């Protein structure tokens, strides 16, 4: 019985040690960078955005009065609603617009008329 308790204690210590490397952001860090350190930025490539967020819920070709050419729109649906600070696309929907392979616009609402990519 004592041997089982000792093994259990060793296992618990190993799990606790694994949690010691977690970097929980401080309130000051959150206020300095409210959308997270790994958020989409204008000029990113499609590959970079896919690596950051994965596949979007929707992809479409769009037109708008705000730009001359058609652009590709990627829609990411909010993962968790009601968070006070948006981290990546956790609490707000996100629309990303690409001109070729370059990210040109980021919005929390659609900026254009959409036709789904097949």
PDB file of N, CA and C in Angstrom:
ATOM      1  N   UNK A   1       0.833  -1.200   0.000  1.00  0.00           N
ATOM      2  CA  UNK A   1       0.000   0.000   0.000  1.00  0.00           C
ATOM      3  C   UNK A   1       0.871   1.256   0.000  1.00  0.00           C
ATOM      4  N   UNK A   2       1.929   1.258   0.845  1.00  0.00           N
ATOM      5  CA  UNK A   2       2.817   2.420   0.897  1.00  0.00           C
ATOM      6  C   UNK A   2       3.535   2.627  -0.434  1.00  0.00           C
ATOM      7  N   UNK A   3       3.846   1.506  -1.093  1.00  0.00           N
ATOM      8  CA  UNK A   3       4.507   1.585  -2.394  1.00  0.00           C
ATOM      9  C   UNK A   3       3.588   2.266  -3.421  1.00  0.00           C
ATOM     10  N   UNK A   4       2.301   1.956  -3.399  1.00  0.00           N
ATOM     11  CA  UNK A   4       1.333   2.568  -4.319  1.00  0.00           C
ATOM     12  C   UNK A   4       1.192   4.067  -4.036  1.00  0.00           C
ATOM     13  N   UNK A   5       1.170   4.441  -2.775  1.00  0.00           N
ATOM     14  CA  UNK A   5       1.081   5.868  -2.417  1.00  0.00           C
ATOM     15  C   UNK A   5       2.299   6.624  -2.902  1.00  0.00           C
ATOM     16  N   UNK A   6       3.486   6.010  -2.748  1.00  0.00           N
ATOM     17  CA  UNK A   6       4.723   6.635  -3.191  1.00  0.00           C
ATOM     18  C   UNK A   6       4.724   6.814  -4.711  1.00  0.00           C
ATOM     19  N   UNK A   7       4.278   5.804  -5.449  1.00  0.00           N
ATOM     20  CA  UNK A   7       4.196   5.891  -6.913  1.00  0.00           C
ATOM     21  C   UNK A   7       3.205   6.984  -7.311  1.00  0.00           C
ATOM     22  N   UNK A   8       2.076   7.033  -6.652  1.00  0.00           N
ATOM     23  CA  UNK A   8       1.077   8.069  -6.923  1.00  0.00           C
ATOM     24  C   UNK A   8       1.623   9.463  -6.667  1.00  0.00           C
ATOM     25  N   UNK A   9       2.382   9.619  -5.587  1.00  0.00           N
ATOM     26  CA  UNK A   9       2.983  10.907  -5.254  1.00  0.00           C
ATOM     27  C   UNK A   9       4.002  11.328  -6.313  1.00  0.00           C
ATOM     28  N   UNK A  10       4.817  10.398  -6.799  1.00  0.00           N
ATOM     29  CA  UNK A  10       5.801  10.685  -7.834  1.00  0.00           C
ATOM     30  C   UNK A  10       5.101  11.115  -9.129  1.00  0.00           C
ATOM     31  N   UNK A  11       4.036  10.401  -9.503  1.00  0.00           N
ATOM     32  CA  UNK A  11       3.287  10.742 -10.709  1.00  0.00           C
ATOM     33  C   UNK A  11       2.676  12.137 -10.579  1.00  0.00           C
ATOM     34  N   UNK A  12       2.117  12.449  -9.432  1.00  0.00           N
ATOM     35  CA  UNK A  12       1.511  13.778  -9.210  1.00  0.00           C
ATOM     36  C   UNK A  12       2.568  14.877  -9.310  1.00  0.00           C
ATOM     37  N   UNK A  13       3.745  14.629  -8.770  1.00  0.00           N
ATOM     38  CA  UNK A  13       4.826  15.617  -8.839  1.00  0.00           C
ATOM     39  C   UNK A  13       5.257  15.852 -10.287  1.00  0.00           C
ATOM     40  N   UNK A  14       5.293  14.785 -11.065  1.00  0.00           N
ATOM     41  CA  UNK A  14       5.661  14.929 -12.485  1.00  0.00           C
ATOM     42  C   UNK A  14       4.641  15.781 -13.229  1.00  0.00           C
ATOM     43  N   UNK A  15       3.360  15.554 -12.976  1.00  0.00           N
ATOM     44  CA  UNK A  15       2.319  16.360 -13.623  1.00  0.00           C
ATOM     45  C   UNK A  15       2.413  17.808 -13.185  1.00  0.00           C
ATOM     46  N   UNK A  16       2.644  18.054 -11.908  1.00  0.00           N
ATOM     47  CA  UNK A  16       2.758  19.421 -11.398  1.00  0.00           C
ATOM     48  C   UNK A  16       3.968  20.117 -11.997  1.00  0.00           C
ATOM     49  N   UNK A  17       5.065  19.419 -12.179  1.00  0.00           N
ATOM     50  CA  UNK A  17       6.269  20.014 -12.767  1.00  0.00           C
ATOM     51  C   UNK A  17       6.021  20.397 -14.219  1.00  0.00           C
ATOM     52  N   UNK A  18       5.216  19.628 -14.928  1.00  0.00           N
ATOM     53  CA  UNK A  18       4.902  19.946 -16.326  1.00  0.00           C
ATOM     54  C   UNK A  18       4.124  21.236 -16.456  1.00  0.00           C
ATOM     55  N   UNK A  19       3.319  21.581 -15.485  1.00  0.00           N
ATOM     56  CA  UNK A  19       2.531  22.815 -15.514  1.00  0.00           C
ATOM     57  C   UNK A  19       3.359  24.039 -15.162  1.00  0.00           C
ATOM     58  N   UNK A  20       4.543  23.841 -14.617  1.00  0.00           N
ATOM     59  CA  UNK A  20       5.366  24.967 -14.181  1.00  0.00           C
ATOM     60  C   UNK A  20       5.851  25.820 -15.344  1.00  0.00           C
ATOM     61  N   UNK A  21       5.911  25.261 -16.559  1.00  0.00           N
ATOM     62  CA  UNK A  21       6.410  26.010 -17.715  1.00  0.00           C
ATOM     63  C   UNK A  21       5.339  26.821 -18.419  1.00  0.00           C
ATOM     64  N   UNK A  22       4.109  26.812 -17.952  1.00  0.00           N
ATOM     65  CA  UNK A  22       3.042  27.577 -18.595  1.00  0.00           C
ATOM     66  C   UNK A  22       3.277  29.066 -18.382  1.00  0.00           C
ATOM     67  N   UNK A  23       3.147  29.844 -19.450  1.00  0.00           N
ATOM     68  CA  UNK A  23       3.307  31.294 -19.371  1.00  0.00           C
ATOM     69  C   UNK A  23       1.949  31.957 -19.446  1.00  0.00           C
ATOM     70  N   UNK A  24       1.344  32.205 -18.326  1.00  0.00           N
ATOM     71  CA  UNK A  24       0.051  32.878 -18.263  1.00  0.00           C
ATOM     72  C   UNK A  24       0.309  34.371 -18.361  1.00  0.00           C
ATOM     73  N   UNK A  25      -0.338  35.066 -19.318  1.00  0.00           N
ATOM     74  CA  UNK A  25      -0.075  36.499 -19.461  1.00  0.00           C
ATOM     75  C   UNK A  25      -0.591  37.295 -18.263  1.00  0.00           C
ATOM     76  N   UNK A  26       0.141  38.345 -17.934  1.00  0.00           N
ATOM     77  CA  UNK A  26      -0.273  39.234 -16.856  1.00  0.00           C
ATOM     78  C   UNK A  26      -1.311  40.216 -17.398  1.00  0.00           C
ATOM     79  N   UNK A  27      -2.100  40.851 -16.525  1.00  0.00           N
ATOM     80  CA  UNK A  27      -3.045  41.863 -17.008  1.00  0.00           C
ATOM     81  C   UNK A  27      -2.359  42.969 -17.819  1.00  0.00           C
ATOM     82  N   UNK A  28      -1.149  43.354 -17.429  1.00  0.00           N
ATOM     83  CA  UNK A  28      -0.415  44.391 -18.166  1.00  0.00           C
ATOM     84  C   UNK A  28      -0.099  43.926 -19.589  1.00  0.00           C
ATOM     85  N   UNK A  29       0.327  42.658 -19.750  1.00  0.00           N
ATOM     86  CA  UNK A  29       0.615  42.125 -21.075  1.00  0.00           C
ATOM     87  C   UNK A  29      -0.640  42.083 -21.942  1.00  0.00           C
ATOM     88  N   UNK A  30      -1.766  41.711 -21.348  1.00  0.00           N
ATOM     89  CA  UNK A  30      -3.030  41.656 -22.093  1.00  0.00           C
ATOM     90  C   UNK A  30      -3.438  43.046 -22.558  1.00  0.00           C
ATOM     91  N   UNK A  31      -3.286  44.043 -21.690  1.00  0.00           N
ATOM     92  CA  UNK A  31      -3.652  45.406 -22.068  1.00  0.00           C
ATOM     93  C   UNK A  31      -2.715  45.969 -23.137  1.00  0.00           C
ATOM     94  N   UNK A  32      -1.441  45.583 -23.116  1.00  0.00           N
ATOM     95  CA  UNK A  32      -0.500  46.060 -24.120  1.00  0.00           C
ATOM     96  C   UNK A  32      -0.734  45.400 -25.472  1.00  0.00           C
ATOM     97  N   UNK A  33      -1.223  44.161 -25.474  1.00  0.00           N
ATOM     98  CA  UNK A  33      -1.446  43.419 -26.716  1.00  0.00           C
ATOM     99  C   UNK A  33      -2.773  42.680 -26.619  1.00  0.00           C
ATOM    100  N   UNK A  34      -3.916  43.402 -26.673  1.00  0.00           N
ATOM    101  CA  UNK A  34      -5.219  42.785 -26.387  1.00  0.00           C
ATOM    102  C   UNK A  34      -5.667  41.724 -27.379  1.00  0.00           C
ATOM    103  N   UNK A  35      -5.171  41.733 -28.600  1.00  0.00           N
ATOM    104  CA  UNK A  35      -5.631  40.716 -29.548  1.00  0.00           C
ATOM    105  C   UNK A  35      -4.693  39.528 -29.624  1.00  0.00           C
ATOM    106  N   UNK A  36      -3.717  39.473 -28.748  1.00  0.00           N
ATOM    107  CA  UNK A  36      -2.832  38.315 -28.688  1.00  0.00           C
ATOM    108  C   UNK A  36      -1.584  38.503 -29.520  1.00  0.00           C
ATOM    109  N   UNK A  37      -0.506  37.844 -29.139  1.00  0.00           N
ATOM    110  CA  UNK A  37       0.754  37.994 -29.862  1.00  0.00           C
ATOM    111  C   UNK A  37       0.736  37.299 -31.213  1.00  0.00           C
ATOM    112  N   UNK A  38      -0.150  36.340 -31.394  1.00  0.00           N
ATOM    113  CA  UNK A  38      -0.208  35.581 -32.640  1.00  0.00           C
ATOM    114  C   UNK A  38      -1.453  35.936 -33.437  1.00  0.00           C
ATOM    115  N   UNK A  39      -1.665  37.219 -33.667  1.00  0.00           N
ATOM    116  CA  UNK A  39      -2.844  37.627 -34.415  1.00  0.00           C
ATOM    117  C   UNK A  39      -2.473  37.932 -35.862  1.00  0.00           C
ATOM    118  N   UNK A  40      -3.472  37.911 -36.730  1.00  0.00           N
ATOM    119  CA  UNK A  40      -3.258  38.198 -38.147  1.00  0.00           C
ATOM    120  C   UNK A  40      -2.820  39.644 -38.322  1.00  0.00           C
ATOM    121  N   UNK A  41      -1.915  39.855 -39.277  1.00  0.00           N
ATOM    122  CA  UNK A  41      -1.412  41.190 -39.562  1.00  0.00           C
ATOM    123  C   UNK A  41      -1.438  41.425 -41.077  1.00  0.00           C
ATOM    124  N   UNK A  42      -1.723  42.655 -41.474  1.00  0.00           N
ATOM    125  CA  UNK A  42      -1.741  43.025 -42.884  1.00  0.00           C
ATOM    126  C   UNK A  42      -0.397  42.645 -43.508  1.00  0.00           C
ATOM    127  N   UNK A  43      -0.456  42.052 -44.703  1.00  0.00           N
ATOM    128  CA  UNK A  43       0.759  41.647 -45.403  1.00  0.00           C
ATOM    129  C   UNK A  43       1.100  40.173 -45.239  1.00  0.00           C
ATOM    130  N   UNK A  44       0.444  39.478 -44.291  1.00  0.00           N
ATOM    131  CA  UNK A  44       0.705  38.049 -44.118  1.00  0.00           C
ATOM    132  C   UNK A  44       0.276  37.285 -45.364  1.00  0.00           C
ATOM    133  N   UNK A  45       0.919  36.158 -45.603  1.00  0.00           N
ATOM    134  CA  UNK A  45       0.528  35.289 -46.717  1.00  0.00           C
ATOM    135  C   UNK A  45      -0.610  34.366 -46.272  1.00  0.00           C
ATOM    136  N   UNK A  46      -1.253  33.729 -47.249  1.00  0.00           N
ATOM    137  CA  UNK A  46      -2.314  32.772 -46.926  1.00  0.00           C
ATOM    138  C   UNK A  46      -1.769  31.618 -46.098  1.00  0.00           C
ATOM    139  N   UNK A  47      -0.561  31.173 -46.403  1.00  0.00           N
ATOM    140  CA  UNK A  47       0.057  30.079 -45.654  1.00  0.00           C
ATOM    141  C   UNK A  47       0.266  30.464 -44.197  1.00  0.00           C
ATOM    142  N   UNK A  48       0.705  31.687 -43.947  1.00  0.00           N
ATOM    143  CA  UNK A  48       0.906  32.149 -42.578  1.00  0.00           C
ATOM    144  C   UNK A  48      -0.417  32.196 -41.816  1.00  0.00           C
ATOM    145  N   UNK A  49      -1.470  32.674 -42.472  1.00  0.00           N
ATOM    146  CA  UNK A  49      -2.784  32.747 -41.822  1.00  0.00           C
ATOM    147  C   UNK A  49      -3.310  31.336 -41.539  1.00  0.00           C
ATOM    148  N   UNK A  50      -3.159  30.430 -42.494  1.00  0.00           N
ATOM    149  CA  UNK A  50      -3.585  29.034 -42.268  1.00  0.00           C
ATOM    150  C   UNK A  50      -2.833  28.414 -41.103  1.00  0.00           C
ATOM    151  N   UNK A  51      -1.550  28.695 -40.986  1.00  0.00           N
ATOM    152  CA  UNK A  51      -0.760  28.168 -39.876  1.00  0.00           C
ATOM    153  C   UNK A  51      -1.251  28.746 -38.544  1.00  0.00           C
ATOM    154  N   UNK A  52      -1.652  30.000 -38.560  1.00  0.00           N
ATOM    155  CA  UNK A  52      -2.098  30.686 -37.352  1.00  0.00           C
ATOM    156  C   UNK A  52      -3.491  30.248 -36.907  1.00  0.00           C
ATOM    157  N   UNK A  53      -4.450  30.184 -37.838  1.00  0.00           N
ATOM    158  CA  UNK A  53      -5.850  29.939 -37.488  1.00  0.00           C
ATOM    159  C   UNK A  53      -6.431  28.634 -38.025  1.00  0.00           C
ATOM    160  N   UNK A  54      -5.769  27.986 -38.965  1.00  0.00           N
ATOM    161  CA  UNK A  54      -6.341  26.802 -39.594  1.00  0.00           C
ATOM    162  C   UNK A  54      -7.273  27.205 -40.720  1.00  0.00           C
ATOM    163  N   UNK A  55      -8.016  26.231 -41.224  1.00  0.00           N
ATOM    164  CA  UNK A  55      -8.939  26.485 -42.332  1.00  0.00           C
ATOM    165  C   UNK A  55     -10.101  27.374 -41.870  1.00  0.00           C
ATOM    166  N   UNK A  56     -10.497  28.345 -42.691  1.00  0.00           N
ATOM    167  CA  UNK A  56     -11.643  29.186 -42.336  1.00  0.00           C
ATOM    168  C   UNK A  56     -12.956  28.425 -42.484  1.00  0.00           C
ATOM    169  N   UNK A  57     -13.997  28.941 -41.859  1.00  0.00           N
ATOM    170  CA  UNK A  57     -15.327  28.340 -41.976  1.00  0.00           C
ATOM    171  C   UNK A  57     -15.884  28.558 -43.378  1.00  0.00           C
ATOM    172  N   UNK A  58     -15.454  29.631 -44.046  1.00  0.00           N
ATOM    173  CA  UNK A  58     -15.973  29.984 -45.369  1.00  0.00           C
ATOM    174  C   UNK A  58     -14.893  30.713 -46.151  1.00  0.00           C
ATOM    175  N   UNK A  59     -14.812  30.411 -47.442  1.00  0.00           N
ATOM    176  CA  UNK A  59     -13.953  31.161 -48.365  1.00  0.00           C
ATOM    177  C   UNK A  59     -14.826  31.635 -49.521  1.00  0.00           C
ATOM    178  N   UNK A  60     -14.643  32.873 -49.950  1.00  0.00           N
ATOM    179  CA  UNK A  60     -15.419  33.386 -51.067  1.00  0.00           C
ATOM    180  C   UNK A  60     -14.649  34.415 -51.862  1.00  0.00           C
ATOM    181  N   UNK A  61     -15.096  34.661 -53.097  1.00  0.00           N
ATOM    182  CA  UNK A  61     -14.556  35.737 -53.925  1.00  0.00           C
ATOM    183  C   UNK A  61     -15.510  36.911 -53.765  1.00  0.00           C
ATOM    184  N   UNK A  62     -14.966  38.087 -53.484  1.00  0.00           N
ATOM    185  CA  UNK A  62     -15.819  39.230 -53.158  1.00  0.00           C
ATOM    186  C   UNK A  62     -15.515  40.437 -54.021  1.00  0.00           C
ATOM    187  N   UNK A  63     -16.515  41.292 -54.114  1.00  0.00           N
ATOM    188  CA  UNK A  63     -16.355  42.600 -54.743  1.00  0.00           C
ATOM    189  C   UNK A  63     -16.837  43.638 -53.745  1.00  0.00           C
ATOM    190  N   UNK A  64     -16.354  44.866 -53.897  1.00  0.00           N
ATOM    191  CA  UNK A  64     -16.747  45.933 -52.984  1.00  0.00           C
ATOM    192  C   UNK A  64     -16.575  47.280 -53.663  1.00  0.00           C
ATOM    193  N   UNK A  65     -17.321  48.258 -53.222  1.00  0.00           N
ATOM    194  CA  UNK A  65     -17.141  49.612 -53.726  1.00  0.00           C
ATOM    195  C   UNK A  65     -15.856  50.233 -53.174  1.00  0.00           C
ATOM    196  N   UNK A  66     -15.265  49.599 -52.148  1.00  0.00           N
ATOM    197  CA  UNK A  66     -14.052  50.125 -51.520  1.00  0.00           C
ATOM    198  C   UNK A  66     -12.771  49.782 -52.272  1.00  0.00           C
ATOM    199  N   UNK A  67     -12.818  48.801 -53.203  1.00  0.00           N
ATOM    200  CA  UNK A  67     -11.649  48.452 -53.996  1.00  0.00           C
ATOM    201  C   UNK A  67     -12.072  48.042 -55.400  1.00  0.00           C
ATOM    202  N   UNK A  68     -11.141  48.129 -56.350  1.00  0.00           N
ATOM    203  CA  UNK A  68     -11.453  47.902 -57.767  1.00  0.00           C
ATOM    204  C   UNK A  68     -11.514  46.418 -58.133  1.00  0.00           C
ATOM    205  N   UNK A  69     -10.544  45.635 -57.722  1.00  0.00           N
ATOM    206  CA  UNK A  69     -10.435  44.224 -58.085  1.00  0.00           C
ATOM    207  C   UNK A  69     -11.262  43.345 -57.143  1.00  0.00           C
ATOM    208  N   UNK A  70     -11.508  42.104 -57.570  1.00  0.00           N
ATOM    209  CA  UNK A  70     -12.117  41.142 -56.652  1.00  0.00           C
ATOM    210  C   UNK A  70     -11.049  40.686 -55.658  1.00  0.00           C
ATOM    211  N   UNK A  71     -11.475  40.293 -54.494  1.00  0.00           N
ATOM    212  CA  UNK A  71     -10.571  39.782 -53.461  1.00  0.00           C
ATOM    213  C   UNK A  71     -11.142  38.502 -52.895  1.00  0.00           C
ATOM    214  N   UNK A  72     -10.294  37.760 -52.240  1.00  0.00           N
ATOM    215  CA  UNK A  72     -10.729  36.539 -51.587  1.00  0.00           C
ATOM    216  C   UNK A  72     -11.031  36.860 -50.125  1.00  0.00           C
ATOM    217  N   UNK A  73     -12.198  36.415 -49.659  1.00  0.00           N
ATOM    218  CA  UNK A  73     -12.604  36.642 -48.273  1.00  0.00           C
ATOM    219  C   UNK A  73     -12.583  35.314 -47.530  1.00  0.00           C
ATOM    220  N   UNK A  74     -11.948  35.301 -46.369  1.00  0.00           N
ATOM    221  CA  UNK A  74     -11.971  34.141 -45.480  1.00  0.00           C
ATOM    222  C   UNK A  74     -12.713  34.549 -44.222  1.00  0.00           C
ATOM    223  N   UNK A  75     -13.649  33.700 -43.803  1.00  0.00           N
ATOM    224  CA  UNK A  75     -14.441  33.981 -42.600  1.00  0.00           C
ATOM    225  C   UNK A  75     -14.091  32.987 -41.500  1.00  0.00           C
ATOM    226  N   UNK A  76     -13.748  33.513 -40.331  1.00  0.00           N
ATOM    227  CA  UNK A  76     -13.501  32.707 -39.140  1.00  0.00           C
ATOM    228  C   UNK A  76     -14.560  33.055 -38.106  1.00  0.00           C
ATOM    229  N   UNK A  77     -15.305  32.056 -37.684  1.00  0.00           N
ATOM    230  CA  UNK A  77     -16.371  32.253 -36.708  1.00  0.00           C
ATOM    231  C   UNK A  77     -15.788  32.302 -35.302  1.00  0.00           C
ATOM    232  N   UNK A  78     -16.348  33.173 -34.450  1.00  0.00           N
ATOM    233  CA  UNK A  78     -15.893  33.286 -33.063  1.00  0.00           C
ATOM    234  C   UNK A  78     -15.992  31.927 -32.362  1.00  0.00           C
ATOM    235  N   UNK A  79     -14.998  31.615 -31.576  1.00  0.00           N
ATOM    236  CA  UNK A  79     -14.954  30.340 -30.867  1.00  0.00           C
ATOM    237  C   UNK A  79     -15.711  30.399 -29.540  1.00  0.00           C
ATOM    238  N   UNK A  80     -15.562  31.498 -28.808  1.00  0.00           N
ATOM    239  CA  UNK A  80     -16.199  31.664 -27.495  1.00  0.00           C
ATOM    240  C   UNK A  80     -16.734  33.089 -27.446  1.00  0.00           C
ATOM    241  N   UNK A  81     -18.018  33.256 -27.245  1.00  0.00           N
ATOM    242  CA  UNK A  81     -18.552  34.612 -27.174  1.00  0.00           C
ATOM    243  C   UNK A  81     -18.552  35.110 -25.730  1.00  0.00           C
ATOM    244  N   UNK A  82     -18.553  36.401 -25.560  1.00  0.00           N
ATOM    245  CA  UNK A  82     -18.676  36.996 -24.240  1.00  0.00           C
ATOM    246  C   UNK A  82     -17.365  37.292 -23.539  1.00  0.00           C
ATOM    247  N   UNK A  83     -16.222  37.029 -24.174  1.00  0.00           N
ATOM    248  CA  UNK A  83     -14.951  37.368 -23.537  1.00  0.00           C
ATOM    249  C   UNK A  83     -14.760  38.881 -23.601  1.00  0.00           C
ATOM    250  N   UNK A  84     -14.230  39.491 -22.548  1.00  0.00           N
ATOM    251  CA  UNK A  84     -14.054  40.944 -22.562  1.00  0.00           C
ATOM    252  C   UNK A  84     -12.950  41.418 -23.504  1.00  0.00           C
ATOM    253  N   UNK A  85     -11.958  40.570 -23.766  1.00  0.00           N
ATOM    254  CA  UNK A  85     -10.845  40.925 -24.648  1.00  0.00           C
ATOM    255  C   UNK A  85     -10.738  39.851 -25.718  1.00  0.00           C
ATOM    256  N   UNK A  86     -10.732  40.273 -26.992  1.00  0.00           N
ATOM    257  CA  UNK A  86     -10.616  39.293 -28.075  1.00  0.00           C
ATOM    258  C   UNK A  86      -9.169  38.851 -28.205  1.00  0.00           C
ATOM    259  N   UNK A  87      -8.930  37.571 -28.155  1.00  0.00           N
ATOM    260  CA  UNK A  87      -7.604  37.012 -28.366  1.00  0.00           C
ATOM    261  C   UNK A  87      -7.685  36.156 -29.613  1.00  0.00           C
ATOM    262  N   UNK A  88      -6.986  36.586 -30.664  1.00  0.00           N
ATOM    263  CA  UNK A  88      -7.096  35.979 -31.977  1.00  0.00           C
ATOM    264  C   UNK A  88      -8.562  36.056 -32.398  1.00  0.00           C
ATOM    265  N   UNK A  89      -9.213  34.972 -32.734  1.00  0.00           N
ATOM    266  CA  UNK A  89     -10.623  35.073 -33.116  1.00  0.00           C
ATOM    267  C   UNK A  89     -11.513  34.380 -32.089  1.00  0.00           C
ATOM    268  N   UNK A  90     -11.176  34.513 -30.802  1.00  0.00           N
ATOM    269  CA  UNK A  90     -11.942  33.797 -29.791  1.00  0.00           C
ATOM    270  C   UNK A  90     -13.336  34.361 -29.572  1.00  0.00           C
ATOM    271  N   UNK A  91     -13.479  35.669 -29.436  1.00  0.00           N
ATOM    272  CA  UNK A  91     -14.777  36.209 -29.050  1.00  0.00           C
ATOM    273  C   UNK A  91     -15.487  37.010 -30.138  1.00  0.00           C
ATOM    274  N   UNK A  92     -14.836  37.244 -31.270  1.00  0.00           N
ATOM    275  CA  UNK A  92     -15.468  38.000 -32.351  1.00  0.00           C
ATOM    276  C   UNK A  92     -15.264  37.289 -33.679  1.00  0.00           C
ATOM    277  N   UNK A  93     -16.280  37.360 -34.549  1.00  0.00           N
ATOM    278  CA  UNK A  93     -16.112  36.846 -35.906  1.00  0.00           C
ATOM    279  C   UNK A  93     -15.009  37.659 -36.590  1.00  0.00           C
ATOM    280  N   UNK A  94     -14.330  37.042 -37.541  1.00  0.00           N
ATOM    281  CA  UNK A  94     -13.233  37.722 -38.220  1.00  0.00           C
ATOM    282  C   UNK A  94     -13.303  37.455 -39.722  1.00  0.00           C
ATOM    283  N   UNK A  95     -13.236  38.520 -40.493  1.00  0.00           N
ATOM    284  CA  UNK A  95     -13.215  38.453 -41.951  1.00  0.00           C
ATOM    285  C   UNK A  95     -11.838  38.929 -42.419  1.00  0.00           C
ATOM    286  N   UNK A  96     -11.168  38.086 -43.196  1.00  0.00           N
ATOM    287  CA  UNK A  96      -9.855  38.418 -43.732  1.00  0.00           C
ATOM    288  C   UNK A  96      -9.957  38.517 -45.251  1.00  0.00           C
ATOM    289  N   UNK A  97      -9.320  39.531 -45.832  1.00  0.00           N
ATOM    290  CA  UNK A  97      -9.377  39.770 -47.269  1.00  0.00           C
ATOM    291  C   UNK A  97      -7.982  39.693 -47.865  1.00  0.00           C
ATOM    292  N   UNK A  98      -7.880  38.920 -48.949  1.00  0.00           N
ATOM    293  CA  UNK A  98      -6.603  38.711 -49.614  1.00  0.00           C
ATOM    294  C   UNK A  98      -6.649  39.264 -51.033  1.00  0.00           C
ATOM    295  N   UNK A  99      -5.584  39.975 -51.401  1.00  0.00           N
ATOM    296  CA  UNK A  99      -5.350  40.397 -52.783  1.00  0.00           C
ATOM    297  C   UNK A  99      -4.190  39.528 -53.256  1.00  0.00           C
ATOM    298  N   UNK A 100      -4.498  38.518 -54.064  1.00  0.00           N
ATOM    299  CA  UNK A 100      -3.490  37.515 -54.412  1.00  0.00           C
ATOM    300  C   UNK A 100      -3.170  36.683 -53.179  1.00  0.00           C
ATOM    301  N   UNK A 101      -1.906  36.656 -52.768  1.00  0.00           N
ATOM    302  CA  UNK A 101      -1.491  35.877 -51.601  1.00  0.00           C
ATOM    303  C   UNK A 101      -1.294  36.755 -50.367  1.00  0.00           C
ATOM    304  N   UNK A 102      -1.589  38.044 -50.469  1.00  0.00           N
ATOM    305  CA  UNK A 102      -1.305  38.988 -49.396  1.00  0.00           C
ATOM    306  C   UNK A 102      -2.573  39.433 -48.664  1.00  0.00           C
ATOM    307  N   UNK A 103      -2.549  39.370 -47.335  1.00  0.00           N
ATOM    308  CA  UNK A 103      -3.665  39.830 -46.505  1.00  0.00           C
ATOM    309  C   UNK A 103      -3.739  41.349 -46.567  1.00  0.00           C
ATOM    310  N   UNK A 104      -4.899  41.879 -46.995  1.00  0.00           N
ATOM    311  CA  UNK A 104      -5.030  43.329 -47.190  1.00  0.00           C
ATOM    312  C   UNK A 104      -5.976  43.999 -46.205  1.00  0.00           C
ATOM    313  N   UNK A 105      -6.979  43.272 -45.699  1.00  0.00           N
ATOM    314  CA  UNK A 105      -7.954  43.860 -44.777  1.00  0.00           C
ATOM    315  C   UNK A 105      -8.339  42.836 -43.722  1.00  0.00           C
ATOM    316  N   UNK A 106      -8.614  43.334 -42.510  1.00  0.00           N
ATOM    317  CA  UNK A 106      -9.110  42.512 -41.409  1.00  0.00           C
ATOM    318  C   UNK A 106     -10.309  43.255 -40.838  1.00  0.00           C
ATOM    319  N   UNK A 107     -11.439  42.555 -40.680  1.00  0.00           N
ATOM    320  CA  UNK A 107     -12.650  43.204 -40.192  1.00  0.00           C
ATOM    321  C   UNK A 107     -13.459  42.236 -39.333  1.00  0.00           C
ATOM    322  N   UNK A 108     -14.284  42.773 -38.459  1.00  0.00           N
ATOM    323  CA  UNK A 108     -15.180  41.904 -37.683  1.00  0.00           C
ATOM    324  C   UNK A 108     -16.575  41.845 -38.311  1.00  0.00           C
ATOM    325  N   UNK A 109     -16.716  42.425 -39.527  1.00  0.00           N
ATOM    326  CA  UNK A 109     -17.958  42.309 -40.298  1.00  0.00           C
ATOM    327  C   UNK A 109     -17.590  42.221 -41.781  1.00  0.00           C
ATOM    328  N   UNK A 110     -18.479  41.662 -42.567  1.00  0.00           N
ATOM    329  CA  UNK A 110     -18.215  41.515 -43.992  1.00  0.00           C
ATOM    330  C   UNK A 110     -18.178  42.881 -44.653  1.00  0.00           C
ATOM    331  N   UNK A 111     -17.216  43.064 -45.546  1.00  0.00           N
ATOM    332  CA  UNK A 111     -17.045  44.336 -46.237  1.00  0.00           C
ATOM    333  C   UNK A 111     -17.504  44.281 -47.689  1.00  0.00           C
ATOM    334  N   UNK A 112     -18.080  43.150 -48.129  1.00  0.00           N
ATOM    335  CA  UNK A 112     -18.287  42.986 -49.558  1.00  0.00           C
ATOM    336  C   UNK A 112     -19.461  42.081 -49.886  1.00  0.00           C
ATOM    337  N   UNK A 113     -19.732  41.969 -51.209  1.00  0.00           N
ATOM    338  CA  UNK A 113     -20.684  41.021 -51.749  1.00  0.00           C
ATOM    339  C   UNK A 113     -19.922  39.734 -52.031  1.00  0.00           C
ATOM    340  N   UNK A 114     -20.468  38.582 -51.620  1.00  0.00           N
ATOM    341  CA  UNK A 114     -19.700  37.334 -51.641  1.00  0.00           C
ATOM    342  C   UNK A 114     -20.251  36.325 -52.627  1.00  0.00           C
ATOM    343  N   UNK A 115     -19.350  35.627 -53.311  1.00  0.00           N
ATOM    344  CA  UNK A 115     -19.676  34.442 -54.101  1.00  0.00           C
ATOM    345  C   UNK A 115     -18.802  33.318 -53.576  1.00  0.00           C
ATOM    346  N   UNK A 116     -19.387  32.204 -53.175  1.00  0.00           N
ATOM    347  CA  UNK A 116     -18.619  31.117 -52.569  1.00  0.00           C
ATOM    348  C   UNK A 116     -17.639  30.489 -53.569  1.00  0.00           C
ATOM    349  N   UNK A 117     -16.406  30.197 -53.062  1.00  0.00           N
ATOM    350  CA  UNK A 117     -15.406  29.484 -53.853  1.00  0.00           C
ATOM    351  C   UNK A 117     -15.752  28.014 -53.838  1.00  0.00           C
ATOM    352  N   UNK A 118     -15.714  27.382 -54.997  1.00  0.00           N
ATOM    353  CA  UNK A 118     -16.055  25.959 -55.058  1.00  0.00           C
ATOM    354  C   UNK A 118     -14.833  25.112 -55.165  1.00  0.00           C
TER     355      UNK A 118
END
